[in-house]
Amino acid sequence: MRKYLYSTVAVLAAIVVTGASGAEDASSMALVPNAAAINWQTGPANLPKGSQIAVLAGDPGNPGPFVLRVKFPPNTLVAPHRHATAENLTVLSGDFYHGMGEKVDKARGDLMKPGGFVYLPGNMPHYVWTAATESVVQVTGTGPFGLNYVDPKDDPSKAH
């Protein structure tokens, strides 16, 4: 399981190194004056196709605080997964769904609208999805942060 976590951390760290970060490190000031100033990048291979990511502050691949945003296209599912560290997720736009557990059960998930928030302790299994609209979420936490699928076959970077 650690193999998947470390590959995610490496991908996120590579995004920071290639310029997706809004700040050099967590001790630098980060200023994003408006949504148009965000430098969106193609999401890491372990996120569903069409996902985009922007690291606004810090480095999710290293110890310390970070802030990132993820843009999910319509009709996207991120299968059940865990993060090694706690996650704070805020919905910024679109309708975003969140469910708990190791199996997808959309009937038991919660619809989150802009302003919606969920805190998840480290290693808590959950899944998320979008419906007819694109959704943007902001994730804050402490690195090293990564995504570890409950079932490795659900990892889009492991094409079958």
C-alpha atoms as a PDB file:
ATOM      1  CA  MET A   1       0.000   0.000   0.000  1.00  0.00           C
ATOM      2  CA  ARG A   2       2.851   2.401   0.722  1.00  0.00           C
ATOM      3  CA  LYS A   3       3.983   2.041  -2.894  1.00  0.00           C
ATOM      4  CA  TYR A   4       0.822   3.785  -4.121  1.00  0.00           C
ATOM      5  CA  LEU A   5       1.058   6.528  -1.507  1.00  0.00           C
ATOM      6  CA  TYR A   6       4.657   7.296  -2.390  1.00  0.00           C
ATOM      7  CA  SER A   7       3.926   7.388  -6.129  1.00  0.00           C
ATOM      8  CA  THR A   8       1.161   9.920  -5.506  1.00  0.00           C
ATOM      9  CA  VAL A   9       3.422  12.034  -3.327  1.00  0.00           C
ATOM     10  CA  ALA A  10       6.104  11.925  -6.018  1.00  0.00           C
ATOM     11  CA  VAL A  11       3.646  13.075  -8.690  1.00  0.00           C
ATOM     12  CA  LEU A  12       2.390  15.925  -6.514  1.00  0.00           C
ATOM     13  CA  ALA A  13       5.964  16.932  -5.702  1.00  0.00           C
ATOM     14  CA  ALA A  14       6.790  16.947  -9.417  1.00  0.00           C
ATOM     15  CA  ILE A  15       3.871  19.296 -10.038  1.00  0.00           C
ATOM     16  CA  VAL A  16       5.268  21.685  -7.456  1.00  0.00           C
ATOM     17  CA  VAL A  17       8.752  21.527  -8.978  1.00  0.00           C
ATOM     18  CA  THR A  18       7.410  22.232 -12.479  1.00  0.00           C
ATOM     19  CA  GLY A  19       5.764  25.451 -11.406  1.00  0.00           C
ATOM     20  CA  ALA A  20       2.219  24.650 -10.312  1.00  0.00           C
ATOM     21  CA  SER A  21       2.936  26.058  -6.889  1.00  0.00           C
ATOM     22  CA  GLY A  22       1.770  29.507  -5.902  1.00  0.00           C
ATOM     23  CA  ALA A  23       4.586  29.751  -3.356  1.00  0.00           C
ATOM     24  CA  GLU A  24       8.167  28.525  -3.103  1.00  0.00           C
ATOM     25  CA  ASP A  25       7.559  26.813   0.230  1.00  0.00           C
ATOM     26  CA  ALA A  26       5.165  26.880   3.159  1.00  0.00           C
ATOM     27  CA  SER A  27       7.068  29.739   4.812  1.00  0.00           C
ATOM     28  CA  SER A  28       6.621  32.030   1.802  1.00  0.00           C
ATOM     29  CA  MET A  29       3.645  34.255   1.304  1.00  0.00           C
ATOM     30  CA  ALA A  30       1.176  32.960  -1.273  1.00  0.00           C
ATOM     31  CA  LEU A  31      -1.200  35.371  -3.000  1.00  0.00           C
ATOM     32  CA  VAL A  32      -3.789  34.362  -5.572  1.00  0.00           C
ATOM     33  CA  PRO A  33      -5.732  37.553  -6.320  1.00  0.00           C
ATOM     34  CA  ASN A  34      -8.537  35.806  -8.228  1.00  0.00           C
ATOM     35  CA  ALA A  35      -9.524  32.509  -9.832  1.00  0.00           C
ATOM     36  CA  ALA A  36      -8.088  33.568 -13.206  1.00  0.00           C
ATOM     37  CA  ALA A  37      -4.600  33.691 -11.655  1.00  0.00           C
ATOM     38  CA  ILE A  38      -4.586  29.992 -10.778  1.00  0.00           C
ATOM     39  CA  ASN A  39      -2.055  27.915 -12.694  1.00  0.00           C
ATOM     40  CA  TRP A  40      -3.979  24.702 -13.418  1.00  0.00           C
ATOM     41  CA  GLN A  41      -2.009  21.612 -14.414  1.00  0.00           C
ATOM     42  CA  THR A  42      -3.085  18.198 -15.643  1.00  0.00           C
ATOM     43  CA  GLY A  43      -3.880  16.092 -12.596  1.00  0.00           C
ATOM     44  CA  PRO A  44      -1.607  13.251 -11.551  1.00  0.00           C
ATOM     45  CA  ALA A  45      -2.105   9.926 -13.321  1.00  0.00           C
ATOM     46  CA  ASN A  46      -3.820   8.426 -10.276  1.00  0.00           C
ATOM     47  CA  LEU A  47      -6.714  10.898 -10.543  1.00  0.00           C
ATOM     48  CA  PRO A  48      -9.446  10.327 -13.132  1.00  0.00           C
ATOM     49  CA  LYS A  49      -8.798  11.563 -16.664  1.00  0.00           C
ATOM     50  CA  GLY A  50      -9.626  15.242 -17.128  1.00  0.00           C
ATOM     51  CA  SER A  51      -8.872  16.191 -13.513  1.00  0.00           C
ATOM     52  CA  GLN A  52      -6.716  19.266 -12.982  1.00  0.00           C
ATOM     53  CA  ILE A  53      -4.701  20.379  -9.971  1.00  0.00           C
ATOM     54  CA  ALA A  54      -3.170  23.608  -8.716  1.00  0.00           C
ATOM     55  CA  VAL A  55      -0.853  23.762  -5.722  1.00  0.00           C
ATOM     56  CA  LEU A  56      -1.387  27.185  -4.144  1.00  0.00           C
ATOM     57  CA  ALA A  57       0.985  26.972  -1.192  1.00  0.00           C
ATOM     58  CA  GLY A  58       3.426  24.543   0.340  1.00  0.00           C
ATOM     59  CA  ASP A  59       4.434  21.183  -1.042  1.00  0.00           C
ATOM     60  CA  PRO A  60       2.054  18.273  -0.462  1.00  0.00           C
ATOM     61  CA  GLY A  61       4.933  15.865  -1.071  1.00  0.00           C
ATOM     62  CA  ASN A  62       6.976  17.088   1.886  1.00  0.00           C
ATOM     63  CA  PRO A  63       6.348  17.606   5.593  1.00  0.00           C
ATOM     64  CA  GLY A  64       4.484  20.820   6.330  1.00  0.00           C
ATOM     65  CA  PRO A  65       1.238  22.595   5.480  1.00  0.00           C
ATOM     66  CA  PHE A  66      -0.103  22.811   1.937  1.00  0.00           C
ATOM     67  CA  VAL A  67      -3.100  24.167   0.022  1.00  0.00           C
ATOM     68  CA  LEU A  68      -4.181  22.754  -3.316  1.00  0.00           C
ATOM     69  CA  ARG A  69      -7.212  22.822  -5.560  1.00  0.00           C
ATOM     70  CA  VAL A  70      -8.590  20.053  -7.706  1.00  0.00           C
ATOM     71  CA  LYS A  71     -10.937  20.573 -10.641  1.00  0.00           C
ATOM     72  CA  PHE A  72     -13.035  17.509 -11.480  1.00  0.00           C
ATOM     73  CA  PRO A  73     -14.930  17.229 -14.782  1.00  0.00           C
ATOM     74  CA  PRO A  74     -18.618  16.238 -14.837  1.00  0.00           C
ATOM     75  CA  ASN A  75     -19.445  12.581 -14.152  1.00  0.00           C
ATOM     76  CA  THR A  76     -16.154  11.759 -12.429  1.00  0.00           C
ATOM     77  CA  LEU A  77     -15.658   9.179  -9.677  1.00  0.00           C
ATOM     78  CA  VAL A  78     -12.623   8.886  -7.430  1.00  0.00           C
ATOM     79  CA  ALA A  79     -12.957   5.345  -6.103  1.00  0.00           C
ATOM     80  CA  PRO A  80     -12.572   4.556  -2.390  1.00  0.00           C
ATOM     81  CA  HIS A  81      -9.201   5.734  -1.143  1.00  0.00           C
ATOM     82  CA  ARG A  82      -7.301   6.951   1.900  1.00  0.00           C
ATOM     83  CA  HIS A  83      -4.806   9.702   2.635  1.00  0.00           C
ATOM     84  CA  ALA A  84      -1.956   9.143   5.098  1.00  0.00           C
ATOM     85  CA  THR A  85      -2.618  12.487   6.784  1.00  0.00           C
ATOM     86  CA  ALA A  86      -5.772  14.412   7.652  1.00  0.00           C
ATOM     87  CA  GLU A  87      -7.635  16.179   4.848  1.00  0.00           C
ATOM     88  CA  ASN A  88      -9.725  19.356   4.971  1.00  0.00           C
ATOM     89  CA  LEU A  89     -11.883  19.607   1.847  1.00  0.00           C
ATOM     90  CA  THR A  90     -14.002  22.638   0.917  1.00  0.00           C
ATOM     91  CA  VAL A  91     -16.227  22.765  -2.157  1.00  0.00           C
ATOM     92  CA  LEU A  92     -15.658  25.965  -4.122  1.00  0.00           C
ATOM     93  CA  SER A  93     -17.923  25.349  -7.117  1.00  0.00           C
ATOM     94  CA  GLY A  94     -20.273  22.763  -8.555  1.00  0.00           C
ATOM     95  CA  ASP A  95     -22.156  19.936  -6.934  1.00  0.00           C
ATOM     96  CA  PHE A  96     -19.721  17.536  -5.276  1.00  0.00           C
ATOM     97  CA  TYR A  97     -20.604  14.244  -3.619  1.00  0.00           C
ATOM     98  CA  HIS A  98     -18.771  12.577  -0.749  1.00  0.00           C
ATOM     99  CA  GLY A  99     -19.248   9.066   0.623  1.00  0.00           C
ATOM    100  CA  MET A 100     -17.610   7.099   3.423  1.00  0.00           C
ATOM    101  CA  GLY A 101     -16.358   3.535   3.317  1.00  0.00           C
ATOM    102  CA  GLU A 102     -14.395   1.048   1.262  1.00  0.00           C
ATOM    103  CA  LYS A 103     -17.162   0.423  -1.313  1.00  0.00           C
ATOM    104  CA  VAL A 104     -18.959   2.960  -3.493  1.00  0.00           C
ATOM    105  CA  ASP A 105     -22.592   3.409  -2.460  1.00  0.00           C
ATOM    106  CA  LYS A 106     -23.886   6.605  -4.048  1.00  0.00           C
ATOM    107  CA  ALA A 107     -27.199   6.213  -2.218  1.00  0.00           C
ATOM    108  CA  ARG A 108     -25.353   6.834   1.054  1.00  0.00           C
ATOM    109  CA  GLY A 109     -23.191   9.740  -0.106  1.00  0.00           C
ATOM    110  CA  ASP A 110     -23.729  13.383   0.754  1.00  0.00           C
ATOM    111  CA  LEU A 111     -24.275  16.198  -1.733  1.00  0.00           C
ATOM    112  CA  MET A 112     -21.938  19.079  -0.970  1.00  0.00           C
ATOM    113  CA  LYS A 113     -22.599  22.477  -2.511  1.00  0.00           C
ATOM    114  CA  PRO A 114     -20.226  25.476  -2.670  1.00  0.00           C
ATOM    115  CA  GLY A 115     -19.136  26.285   0.863  1.00  0.00           C
ATOM    116  CA  GLY A 116     -19.572  22.673   1.977  1.00  0.00           C
ATOM    117  CA  PHE A 117     -16.768  21.253   4.106  1.00  0.00           C
ATOM    118  CA  VAL A 118     -15.581  17.857   5.302  1.00  0.00           C
ATOM    119  CA  TYR A 119     -12.703  16.975   7.630  1.00  0.00           C
ATOM    120  CA  LEU A 120     -11.264  13.476   7.370  1.00  0.00           C
ATOM    121  CA  PRO A 121      -8.677  12.042   9.757  1.00  0.00           C
ATOM    122  CA  GLY A 122      -5.749  10.246   8.141  1.00  0.00           C
ATOM    123  CA  ASN A 123      -6.401   6.770   6.702  1.00  0.00           C
ATOM    124  CA  MET A 124     -10.195   7.163   6.687  1.00  0.00           C
ATOM    125  CA  PRO A 125     -11.627   5.430   3.572  1.00  0.00           C
ATOM    126  CA  HIS A 126     -13.887   7.595   1.416  1.00  0.00           C
ATOM    127  CA  TYR A 127     -14.836   8.297  -2.209  1.00  0.00           C
ATOM    128  CA  VAL A 128     -16.019  11.333  -4.135  1.00  0.00           C
ATOM    129  CA  TRP A 129     -17.860  12.005  -7.375  1.00  0.00           C
ATOM    130  CA  THR A 130     -19.387  14.677  -9.541  1.00  0.00           C
ATOM    131  CA  ALA A 131     -22.612  14.536 -11.522  1.00  0.00           C
ATOM    132  CA  ALA A 132     -23.604  16.879 -14.352  1.00  0.00           C
ATOM    133  CA  THR A 133     -21.342  19.788 -13.389  1.00  0.00           C
ATOM    134  CA  GLU A 134     -17.638  20.433 -13.082  1.00  0.00           C
ATOM    135  CA  SER A 135     -16.583  20.819  -9.447  1.00  0.00           C
ATOM    136  CA  VAL A 136     -13.641  22.577  -7.838  1.00  0.00           C
ATOM    137  CA  VAL A 137     -12.508  21.681  -4.330  1.00  0.00           C
ATOM    138  CA  GLN A 138      -9.797  23.079  -2.102  1.00  0.00           C
ATOM    139  CA  VAL A 139      -7.767  20.651  -0.021  1.00  0.00           C
ATOM    140  CA  THR A 140      -5.617  21.705   2.896  1.00  0.00           C
ATOM    141  CA  GLY A 141      -3.543  19.541   5.144  1.00  0.00           C
ATOM    142  CA  THR A 142      -0.078  18.595   6.219  1.00  0.00           C
ATOM    143  CA  GLY A 143       2.268  16.647   4.003  1.00  0.00           C
ATOM    144  CA  PRO A 144       3.473  14.290   2.997  1.00  0.00           C
ATOM    145  CA  PHE A 145       0.041  13.788   1.455  1.00  0.00           C
ATOM    146  CA  GLY A 146      -1.013  11.262  -1.138  1.00  0.00           C
ATOM    147  CA  LEU A 147      -3.884   9.164  -2.399  1.00  0.00           C
ATOM    148  CA  ASN A 148      -3.955   5.414  -1.760  1.00  0.00           C
ATOM    149  CA  TYR A 149      -6.790   3.443  -3.384  1.00  0.00           C
ATOM    150  CA  VAL A 150      -8.484   0.807  -1.216  1.00  0.00           C
ATOM    151  CA  ASP A 151      -8.451  -1.516  -4.245  1.00  0.00           C
ATOM    152  CA  PRO A 152      -5.285  -0.922  -6.305  1.00  0.00           C
ATOM    153  CA  LYS A 153      -7.241  -1.914  -9.448  1.00  0.00           C
ATOM    154  CA  ASP A 154      -9.189   1.358  -9.099  1.00  0.00           C
ATOM    155  CA  ASP A 155      -6.036   3.428  -9.577  1.00  0.00           C
ATOM    156  CA  PRO A 156      -6.308   5.036 -13.073  1.00  0.00           C
ATOM    157  CA  SER A 157      -2.507   5.129 -13.339  1.00  0.00           C
ATOM    158  CA  LYS A 158      -2.510   1.333 -13.369  1.00  0.00           C
ATOM    159  CA  ALA A 159      -4.172   0.838 -16.777  1.00  0.00           C
ATOM    160  CA  HIS A 160      -5.346  -2.729 -17.325  1.00  0.00           C
END
